[in-house]
């Protein structure tokens, strides 16, 4: 699971850049959102993560690399077709490509994938998926 710092930094960036136009929600709320919303929205989901030792540092700290993927699901009402979803996905890509997050030293997005088919095509909603790969290298204290 991505650390809360990483997940929250990516979510905050999307809220800052796109939140005025599209609500940014957690994927865990998806059933509630789909039942209530009638407008396009974004839902973030942790997809993949890994932590590896990069090097043994000083006696008091080691370097670790956290890496993984956070999926950004773009949902649009079915009657709107997929063109609005593609446009929103392009906005997500522009907001997150090659970002370094000042509040988290060593944290950056690596790649923001091309939009791909999403999980929903229900006759009520369409979705497109944008996968965001990240990496954070940081020191942690040893015991």
Protein backbone atom coordinates (compact mmCIF):
# COMPACT_ATOMS: atom_id res chain seq x y z
CA UNK A 1 0.00 0.00 0.00
CA UNK A 2 1.33 3.44 -0.91
CA UNK A 3 2.15 5.47 2.12
CA UNK A 4 -0.48 7.98 3.14
CA UNK A 5 2.04 10.75 2.34
CA UNK A 6 2.37 9.66 -1.29
CA UNK A 7 -1.32 8.99 -1.85
CA UNK A 8 -2.31 12.27 -0.22
CA UNK A 9 0.28 14.27 -2.20
CA UNK A 10 -1.02 12.94 -5.52
CA UNK A 11 -4.62 13.48 -4.45
CA UNK A 12 -3.87 17.03 -3.27
CA UNK A 13 -2.23 17.86 -6.61
CA UNK A 14 -5.32 16.68 -8.48
CA UNK A 15 -7.62 18.59 -6.12
CA UNK A 16 -5.54 21.76 -6.61
CA UNK A 17 -5.39 21.46 -10.40
CA UNK A 18 -8.73 19.86 -11.28
CA UNK A 19 -10.88 19.79 -8.15
CA UNK A 20 -12.81 22.93 -9.08
CA UNK A 21 -14.11 21.17 -12.20
CA UNK A 22 -14.25 17.51 -11.12
CA UNK A 23 -14.62 16.08 -7.62
CA UNK A 24 -11.61 13.98 -6.60
CA UNK A 25 -12.63 11.03 -4.43
CA UNK A 26 -11.20 7.83 -2.97
CA UNK A 27 -12.03 4.64 -4.86
CA UNK A 28 -13.36 3.04 -1.68
CA UNK A 29 -16.36 5.36 -2.00
CA UNK A 30 -17.17 4.24 -5.54
CA UNK A 31 -20.56 2.63 -4.93
CA UNK A 32 -21.81 5.69 -3.06
CA UNK A 33 -20.41 8.07 -5.68
CA UNK A 34 -21.90 6.22 -8.64
CA UNK A 35 -25.32 6.21 -6.99
CA UNK A 36 -25.26 9.93 -6.11
CA UNK A 37 -23.26 11.79 -8.71
CA UNK A 38 -24.46 12.81 -12.14
CA UNK A 39 -21.34 14.73 -13.14
CA UNK A 40 -17.83 13.62 -14.16
CA UNK A 41 -15.49 12.82 -11.27
CA UNK A 42 -12.10 11.26 -10.50
CA UNK A 43 -11.54 8.32 -8.14
CA UNK A 44 -8.05 7.40 -6.90
CA UNK A 45 -7.08 3.81 -6.18
CA UNK A 46 -3.83 2.32 -4.94
CA UNK A 47 -2.82 -0.31 -7.45
CA UNK A 48 0.70 -1.55 -6.84
CA UNK A 49 3.61 -0.75 -4.54
CA UNK A 50 7.01 -1.97 -3.48
CA UNK A 51 9.70 -0.91 -1.03
CA UNK A 52 13.31 -1.86 -1.60
CA UNK A 53 16.58 -1.12 0.12
CA UNK A 54 18.67 1.16 -2.07
CA UNK A 55 21.77 1.20 0.11
CA UNK A 56 22.93 0.89 3.63
CA UNK A 57 23.61 4.40 4.83
CA UNK A 58 25.17 5.56 8.03
CA UNK A 59 24.84 3.54 11.22
CA UNK A 60 21.71 5.56 12.02
CA UNK A 61 19.86 5.40 8.67
CA UNK A 62 19.32 3.37 5.51
CA UNK A 63 18.00 4.49 2.12
CA UNK A 64 14.76 3.00 0.82
CA UNK A 65 12.93 3.39 -2.47
CA UNK A 66 9.13 3.26 -2.43
CA UNK A 67 7.64 2.77 -5.87
CA UNK A 68 4.26 1.87 -7.21
CA UNK A 69 1.18 2.88 -9.13
CA UNK A 70 -1.88 4.87 -8.25
CA UNK A 71 -4.77 4.52 -10.67
CA UNK A 72 -6.87 7.55 -11.46
CA UNK A 73 -10.30 6.48 -12.70
CA UNK A 74 -12.09 9.12 -14.77
CA UNK A 75 -15.87 8.63 -14.65
CA UNK A 76 -18.31 10.36 -17.00
CA UNK A 77 -22.05 9.86 -17.46
CA UNK A 78 -22.66 7.28 -20.20
CA UNK A 79 -24.69 9.62 -22.41
CA UNK A 80 -21.66 11.95 -22.70
CA UNK A 81 -19.61 9.28 -24.50
CA UNK A 82 -15.89 8.81 -24.01
CA UNK A 83 -14.63 12.07 -25.53
CA UNK A 84 -15.12 14.06 -22.30
CA UNK A 85 -13.41 11.25 -20.36
CA UNK A 86 -10.42 11.39 -22.73
CA UNK A 87 -10.19 15.16 -22.31
CA UNK A 88 -10.31 14.85 -18.53
CA UNK A 89 -7.70 12.05 -18.68
CA UNK A 90 -5.42 14.38 -20.68
CA UNK A 91 -5.84 16.98 -17.92
CA UNK A 92 -4.91 14.37 -15.30
CA UNK A 93 -1.82 13.46 -17.31
CA UNK A 94 -0.80 17.11 -17.67
CA UNK A 95 -1.25 17.71 -13.92
CA UNK A 96 0.85 14.73 -12.86
CA UNK A 97 3.52 14.19 -15.53
CA UNK A 98 7.08 14.68 -14.30
CA UNK A 99 6.01 16.19 -11.00
CA UNK A 100 8.30 16.55 -8.02
CA UNK A 101 6.53 17.11 -4.75
CA UNK A 102 8.29 19.73 -2.63
CA UNK A 103 6.78 18.58 0.64
CA UNK A 104 8.25 15.09 0.15
CA UNK A 105 11.92 15.18 -0.79
CA UNK A 106 12.88 12.43 -3.21
CA UNK A 107 9.28 11.92 -4.40
CA UNK A 108 8.30 12.23 -8.06
CA UNK A 109 6.03 10.75 -10.64
CA UNK A 110 7.89 8.55 -13.11
CA UNK A 111 5.33 7.97 -15.84
CA UNK A 112 1.71 8.83 -16.35
CA UNK A 113 0.31 6.25 -18.73
CA UNK A 114 -1.88 6.69 -21.75
CA UNK A 115 -5.58 6.50 -20.95
CA UNK A 116 -6.89 2.94 -21.17
CA UNK A 117 -10.32 1.32 -20.90
CA UNK A 118 -11.74 1.66 -17.43
CA UNK A 119 -13.78 -0.62 -15.23
CA UNK A 120 -17.21 0.78 -15.94
CA UNK A 121 -19.42 0.70 -19.03
CA UNK A 122 -22.76 0.16 -17.36
CA UNK A 123 -25.13 2.18 -19.47
CA UNK A 124 -25.01 4.82 -16.72
CA UNK A 125 -21.28 5.48 -16.54
CA UNK A 126 -18.16 5.18 -18.70
CA UNK A 127 -14.68 5.25 -17.25
CA UNK A 128 -11.12 5.61 -18.41
CA UNK A 129 -8.06 4.68 -16.37
CA UNK A 130 -4.84 6.70 -16.06
CA UNK A 131 -2.03 4.85 -14.25
CA UNK A 132 0.45 7.05 -12.36
CA UNK A 133 3.81 5.45 -11.52
CA UNK A 134 5.74 7.06 -8.67
CA UNK A 135 9.01 6.72 -6.85
CA UNK A 136 10.29 8.08 -3.54
CA UNK A 137 13.81 7.60 -2.23
CA UNK A 138 14.28 8.49 1.41
CA UNK A 139 16.30 7.74 4.50
CA UNK A 140 14.82 5.82 7.41
CA UNK A 141 16.30 5.49 10.86
CA UNK A 142 17.65 2.09 11.82
CA UNK A 143 16.82 0.44 15.09
